[in-house]
C-alpha atoms as a PDB file:
ATOM      1  CA  MET A   1      35.142  22.109 -27.953  1.00  0.00           C
ATOM      2  CA  LYS A   2      35.526  20.499 -24.469  1.00  0.00           C
ATOM      3  CA  LYS A   3      34.102  23.524 -22.762  1.00  0.00           C
ATOM      4  CA  LEU A   4      30.975  23.513 -24.961  1.00  0.00           C
ATOM      5  CA  ILE A   5      30.406  19.873 -24.207  1.00  0.00           C
ATOM      6  CA  LEU A   6      31.025  20.421 -20.625  1.00  0.00           C
ATOM      7  CA  ALA A   7      28.577  23.339 -20.530  1.00  0.00           C
ATOM      8  CA  LEU A   8      25.867  21.267 -22.376  1.00  0.00           C
ATOM      9  CA  LEU A   9      26.383  18.465 -19.915  1.00  0.00           C
ATOM     10  CA  SER A  10      25.878  20.866 -17.071  1.00  0.00           C
ATOM     11  CA  THR A  11      22.806  22.302 -18.514  1.00  0.00           C
ATOM     12  CA  LEU A  12      21.333  18.869 -19.133  1.00  0.00           C
ATOM     13  CA  ILE A  13      22.108  17.761 -15.414  1.00  0.00           C
ATOM     14  CA  LEU A  14      20.532  20.972 -14.128  1.00  0.00           C
ATOM     15  CA  VAL A  15      17.441  20.762 -16.255  1.00  0.00           C
ATOM     16  CA  SER A  16      17.009  17.142 -15.557  1.00  0.00           C
ATOM     17  CA  CYS A  17      17.438  17.545 -11.789  1.00  0.00           C
ATOM     18  CA  SER A  18      14.889  20.345 -11.724  1.00  0.00           C
ATOM     19  CA  ASN A  19      11.881  18.289 -13.436  1.00  0.00           C
ATOM     20  CA  LYS A  20      11.142  16.633  -9.944  1.00  0.00           C
ATOM     21  CA  LYS A  21       7.488  17.059  -9.324  1.00  0.00           C
ATOM     22  CA  SER A  22       6.334  18.886  -6.084  1.00  0.00           C
ATOM     23  CA  TYR A  23       2.968  18.983  -4.693  1.00  0.00           C
ATOM     24  CA  ASN A  24       1.140  21.441  -2.403  1.00  0.00           C
ATOM     25  CA  THR A  25      -1.104  19.006  -0.835  1.00  0.00           C
ATOM     26  CA  VAL A  26      -1.232  15.123  -0.282  1.00  0.00           C
ATOM     27  CA  ASP A  27      -4.438  15.241  -2.336  1.00  0.00           C
ATOM     28  CA  GLU A  28      -2.490  16.377  -5.151  1.00  0.00           C
ATOM     29  CA  MET A  29       0.012  13.584  -4.640  1.00  0.00           C
ATOM     30  CA  VAL A  30      -2.781  10.965  -4.410  1.00  0.00           C
ATOM     31  CA  SER A  31      -4.508  12.408  -7.639  1.00  0.00           C
ATOM     32  CA  ASP A  32      -1.255  12.027  -9.560  1.00  0.00           C
ATOM     33  CA  ALA A  33      -0.684   8.394  -8.207  1.00  0.00           C
ATOM     34  CA  LEU A  34      -4.153   7.472  -9.324  1.00  0.00           C
ATOM     35  CA  LYS A  35      -2.952   7.963 -12.945  1.00  0.00           C
ATOM     36  CA  THR A  36      -1.215   4.746 -12.623  1.00  0.00           C
ATOM     37  CA  VAL A  37      -2.584   2.920  -9.824  1.00  0.00           C
ATOM     38  CA  LYS A  38      -5.527   0.487 -10.249  1.00  0.00           C
ATOM     39  CA  LEU A  39      -8.296   0.322  -7.720  1.00  0.00           C
ATOM     40  CA  ILE A  40     -10.341  -2.593  -6.680  1.00  0.00           C
ATOM     41  CA  THR A  41     -13.620  -2.239  -5.093  1.00  0.00           C
ATOM     42  CA  PRO A  42     -14.775  -3.929  -1.766  1.00  0.00           C
ATOM     43  CA  GLY A  43     -17.175  -6.332  -3.754  1.00  0.00           C
ATOM     44  CA  GLU A  44     -14.433  -7.227  -6.118  1.00  0.00           C
ATOM     45  CA  LEU A  45     -12.057  -8.132  -3.222  1.00  0.00           C
ATOM     46  CA  ASP A  46     -14.756 -10.133  -1.558  1.00  0.00           C
ATOM     47  CA  ALA A  47     -15.333 -12.145  -4.784  1.00  0.00           C
ATOM     48  CA  LEU A  48     -11.594 -12.700  -5.062  1.00  0.00           C
ATOM     49  CA  MET A  49     -11.419 -13.804  -1.398  1.00  0.00           C
ATOM     50  CA  ASN A  50     -14.251 -16.210  -2.028  1.00  0.00           C
ATOM     51  CA  GLY A  51     -13.255 -17.432  -5.403  1.00  0.00           C
ATOM     52  CA  GLY A  52     -12.130 -20.832  -4.137  1.00  0.00           C
ATOM     53  CA  GLY A  53      -8.333 -20.123  -4.293  1.00  0.00           C
ATOM     54  CA  GLU A  54      -8.275 -19.968  -8.068  1.00  0.00           C
ATOM     55  CA  GLU A  55      -6.259 -16.698  -8.033  1.00  0.00           C
ATOM     56  CA  VAL A  56      -3.192 -16.105  -6.015  1.00  0.00           C
ATOM     57  CA  TYR A  57      -3.017 -12.794  -4.190  1.00  0.00           C
ATOM     58  CA  THR A  58      -1.470 -11.014  -1.364  1.00  0.00           C
ATOM     59  CA  LEU A  59      -3.614  -8.514   0.787  1.00  0.00           C
ATOM     60  CA  ILE A  60      -1.604  -5.994   2.607  1.00  0.00           C
ATOM     61  CA  ASP A  61      -2.925  -3.541   5.385  1.00  0.00           C
ATOM     62  CA  VAL A  62      -0.563  -0.611   5.262  1.00  0.00           C
ATOM     63  CA  ARG A  63      -1.879   1.021   8.383  1.00  0.00           C
ATOM     64  CA  GLN A  64       0.042   1.239  11.521  1.00  0.00           C
ATOM     65  CA  GLU A  65       0.140  -1.865  13.856  1.00  0.00           C
ATOM     66  CA  VAL A  66      -2.344  -0.344  16.417  1.00  0.00           C
ATOM     67  CA  GLU A  67      -4.900   0.353  13.646  1.00  0.00           C
ATOM     68  CA  HIS A  68      -4.606  -3.019  12.280  1.00  0.00           C
ATOM     69  CA  TYR A  69      -5.433  -4.797  15.640  1.00  0.00           C
ATOM     70  CA  TYR A  70      -8.595  -2.840  16.169  1.00  0.00           C
ATOM     71  CA  GLY A  71     -10.037  -4.554  12.909  1.00  0.00           C
ATOM     72  CA  TYR A  72      -8.668  -5.770   9.618  1.00  0.00           C
ATOM     73  CA  ILE A  73      -9.827  -7.719   6.461  1.00  0.00           C
ATOM     74  CA  PRO A  74      -9.500 -11.646   7.019  1.00  0.00           C
ATOM     75  CA  GLY A  75      -6.227 -12.862   5.411  1.00  0.00           C
ATOM     76  CA  SER A  76      -4.372  -9.652   5.294  1.00  0.00           C
ATOM     77  CA  VAL A  77      -0.722  -9.048   6.541  1.00  0.00           C
ATOM     78  CA  ASN A  78       0.105  -5.894   8.250  1.00  0.00           C
ATOM     79  CA  ILE A  79       3.096  -4.066   6.875  1.00  0.00           C
ATOM     80  CA  ALA A  80       3.016  -0.460   7.696  1.00  0.00           C
ATOM     81  CA  ARG A  81       3.448   2.016   4.811  1.00  0.00           C
ATOM     82  CA  GLY A  82       6.785   3.137   6.353  1.00  0.00           C
ATOM     83  CA  SER A  83       8.379  -0.297   6.179  1.00  0.00           C
ATOM     84  CA  LEU A  84       6.638  -1.557   3.011  1.00  0.00           C
ATOM     85  CA  GLU A  85       9.600  -1.031   0.641  1.00  0.00           C
ATOM     86  CA  PHE A  86      12.167  -2.961   3.135  1.00  0.00           C
ATOM     87  CA  ASN A  87       9.773  -5.977   3.793  1.00  0.00           C
ATOM     88  CA  ILE A  88       7.907  -6.470   0.545  1.00  0.00           C
ATOM     89  CA  GLY A  89      11.200  -8.328  -0.955  1.00  0.00           C
ATOM     90  CA  ASP A  90      12.605  -9.611   2.316  1.00  0.00           C
ATOM     91  CA  GLU A  91      12.383 -13.409   2.393  1.00  0.00           C
ATOM     92  CA  ALA A  92      13.025 -13.428   6.016  1.00  0.00           C
ATOM     93  CA  TYR A  93      10.117 -11.210   6.697  1.00  0.00           C
ATOM     94  CA  TRP A  94       7.665 -13.335   4.870  1.00  0.00           C
ATOM     95  CA  GLU A  95       8.996 -16.451   6.621  1.00  0.00           C
ATOM     96  CA  HIS A  96       8.370 -14.744  10.025  1.00  0.00           C
ATOM     97  CA  VAL A  97       4.731 -14.084   9.288  1.00  0.00           C
ATOM     98  CA  GLY A  98       4.273 -17.454   7.777  1.00  0.00           C
ATOM     99  CA  LEU A  99       3.644 -16.610   4.036  1.00  0.00           C
ATOM    100  CA  TYR A 100       5.062 -16.943   0.769  1.00  0.00           C
ATOM    101  CA  MET A 101       6.940 -13.796  -0.504  1.00  0.00           C
ATOM    102  CA  PRO A 102       4.752 -12.230  -3.279  1.00  0.00           C
ATOM    103  CA  GLN A 103       6.247 -12.477  -6.836  1.00  0.00           C
ATOM    104  CA  LYS A 104       6.840  -9.225  -8.989  1.00  0.00           C
ATOM    105  CA  ASP A 105       3.758 -10.298 -11.198  1.00  0.00           C
ATOM    106  CA  GLU A 106       1.482 -11.591  -8.427  1.00  0.00           C
ATOM    107  CA  LYS A 107      -1.679  -9.655  -7.633  1.00  0.00           C
ATOM    108  CA  ILE A 108      -1.204  -7.593  -4.524  1.00  0.00           C
ATOM    109  CA  ILE A 109      -3.835  -5.455  -2.832  1.00  0.00           C
ATOM    110  CA  LEU A 110      -3.167  -2.842  -0.489  1.00  0.00           C
ATOM    111  CA  TYR A 111      -5.390  -0.988   1.915  1.00  0.00           C
ATOM    112  CA  CYS A 112      -5.289   1.695   4.677  1.00  0.00           C
ATOM    113  CA  LYS A 113      -7.915   3.513   6.726  1.00  0.00           C
ATOM    114  CA  LYS A 114      -9.586   5.622   3.873  1.00  0.00           C
ATOM    115  CA  GLY A 115      -7.568   4.821   0.786  1.00  0.00           C
ATOM    116  CA  GLN A 116      -4.895   7.494   0.284  1.00  0.00           C
ATOM    117  CA  ARG A 117      -1.966   5.654   2.112  1.00  0.00           C
ATOM    118  CA  GLY A 118      -2.995   2.469   0.016  1.00  0.00           C
ATOM    119  CA  ILE A 119      -2.814   4.335  -3.199  1.00  0.00           C
ATOM    120  CA  LEU A 120       0.703   5.805  -2.462  1.00  0.00           C
ATOM    121  CA  ALA A 121       1.810   2.361  -1.377  1.00  0.00           C
ATOM    122  CA  ALA A 122       0.699   0.879  -4.589  1.00  0.00           C
ATOM    123  CA  GLU A 123       2.495   3.497  -6.553  1.00  0.00           C
ATOM    124  CA  THR A 124       5.557   2.642  -4.510  1.00  0.00           C
ATOM    125  CA  LEU A 125       5.277  -1.066  -5.236  1.00  0.00           C
ATOM    126  CA  GLN A 126       4.813  -0.207  -9.034  1.00  0.00           C
ATOM    127  CA  LYS A 127       8.268   1.833  -8.932  1.00  0.00           C
ATOM    128  CA  LEU A 128       9.854  -1.293  -7.254  1.00  0.00           C
ATOM    129  CA  GLY A 129       8.764  -3.362 -10.232  1.00  0.00           C
ATOM    130  CA  TYR A 130       5.599  -4.966  -9.028  1.00  0.00           C
ATOM    131  CA  THR A 131       3.238  -5.272 -12.054  1.00  0.00           C
ATOM    132  CA  ASN A 132      -0.118  -6.321 -10.595  1.00  0.00           C
ATOM    133  CA  VAL A 133      -0.851  -3.794  -7.796  1.00  0.00           C
ATOM    134  CA  TYR A 134      -4.223  -2.608  -6.629  1.00  0.00           C
ATOM    135  CA  ALA A 135      -5.370  -0.292  -3.879  1.00  0.00           C
ATOM    136  CA  LEU A 136      -8.668  -0.855  -2.119  1.00  0.00           C
ATOM    137  CA  GLU A 137     -11.035   1.847  -3.133  1.00  0.00           C
ATOM    138  CA  GLY A 138     -12.060   3.679   0.112  1.00  0.00           C
ATOM    139  CA  GLY A 139      -9.858   1.467   2.280  1.00  0.00           C
ATOM    140  CA  TRP A 140     -10.572  -0.134   5.407  1.00  0.00           C
ATOM    141  CA  LYS A 141     -13.525   2.304   6.126  1.00  0.00           C
ATOM    142  CA  ASN A 142     -15.288   1.357   2.774  1.00  0.00           C
ATOM    143  CA  TRP A 143     -14.694  -2.408   3.436  1.00  0.00           C
ATOM    144  CA  GLU A 144     -16.181  -1.993   7.132  1.00  0.00           C
ATOM    145  CA  LEU A 145     -19.288  -0.111   5.756  1.00  0.00           C
ATOM    146  CA  THR A 146     -19.802  -2.695   2.873  1.00  0.00           C
ATOM    147  CA  TYR A 147     -19.172  -5.825   4.939  1.00  0.00           C
ATOM    148  CA  PRO A 148     -19.654  -4.931   8.537  1.00  0.00           C
ATOM    149  CA  ASP A 149     -19.488  -8.464   9.713  1.00  0.00           C
ATOM    150  CA  VAL A 150     -16.452  -9.615   7.717  1.00  0.00           C
ATOM    151  CA  PHE A 151     -13.381  -8.542   9.755  1.00  0.00           C
ATOM    152  CA  GLU A 152     -11.188  -9.797  12.371  1.00  0.00           C
ATOM    153  CA  LYS A 153      -9.584  -8.310  15.453  1.00  0.00           C
ATOM    154  CA  ALA A 154      -6.411  -8.951  17.482  1.00  0.00           C
ATOM    155  CA  LEU A 155      -7.076  -6.817  20.657  1.00  0.00           C
ATOM    156  CA  ASP A 156      -5.287  -9.366  22.727  1.00  0.00           C
ATOM    157  CA  LYS A 157      -2.031  -8.286  21.157  1.00  0.00           C
ATOM    158  CA  LEU A 158      -2.754  -4.869  22.662  1.00  0.00           C
ATOM    159  CA  GLY A 159      -3.432  -5.977  26.318  1.00  0.00           C
ATOM    160  CA  GLY A 160      -7.024  -6.818  25.919  1.00  0.00           C
ATOM    161  CA  GLY A 161      -7.980  -3.735  23.723  1.00  0.00           C
ATOM    162  CA  SER A 162      -7.938  -1.285  26.538  1.00  0.00           C
ATOM    163  CA  HIS A 163      -5.751   1.255  24.337  1.00  0.00           C
ATOM    164  CA  SER A 164      -7.357   3.832  21.984  1.00  0.00           C
ATOM    165  CA  SER A 165      -6.203   3.977  18.542  1.00  0.00           C
ATOM    166  CA  GLY A 166      -5.126   7.670  18.611  1.00  0.00           C
ATOM    167  CA  SER A 167      -4.011   9.422  15.603  1.00  0.00           C
ATOM    168  CA  SER A 168      -2.943   7.558  12.777  1.00  0.00           C
ATOM    169  CA  GLY A 169      -2.187  10.199  10.066  1.00  0.00           C
ATOM    170  CA  GLY A 170      -5.654  10.922   9.114  1.00  0.00           C
ATOM    171  CA  CYS A 171      -6.019   8.844   5.968  1.00  0.00           C
END
């Protein structure tokens, strides 16, 4: 009887471990993430930003720091996707940037260059228990095309803007 139970447990473990989903392309991964991630349009974000402070939200740019400094949506904080999981719930990080740490049920909007990293970052926050997470549809590029005069730069932090943005992962 013990051997039978052990065999059943071993089979169950093997089956459960082999059910991990794999993807052939990042597009497949993003498509799968979109099954649970909510999108917000630039127009909806603009309305939220200009709504008189009635709704609390946190806007996070998940691009690399060098991408952020060449142009970003006003009011956003830059947390690169690679460190998002470590900083989102770190009170010391939020004190350092001078903001309140977002609560698990607070609206959080993420964006990247074209949208894919933002979608994957939103999925990650959902896995960490954040329940009101959105990705900006089309990312920074969509915002820039929709609101070409509504952005900020911090080129002084890069030595006056003499650096080029280089490769950024393509999305």
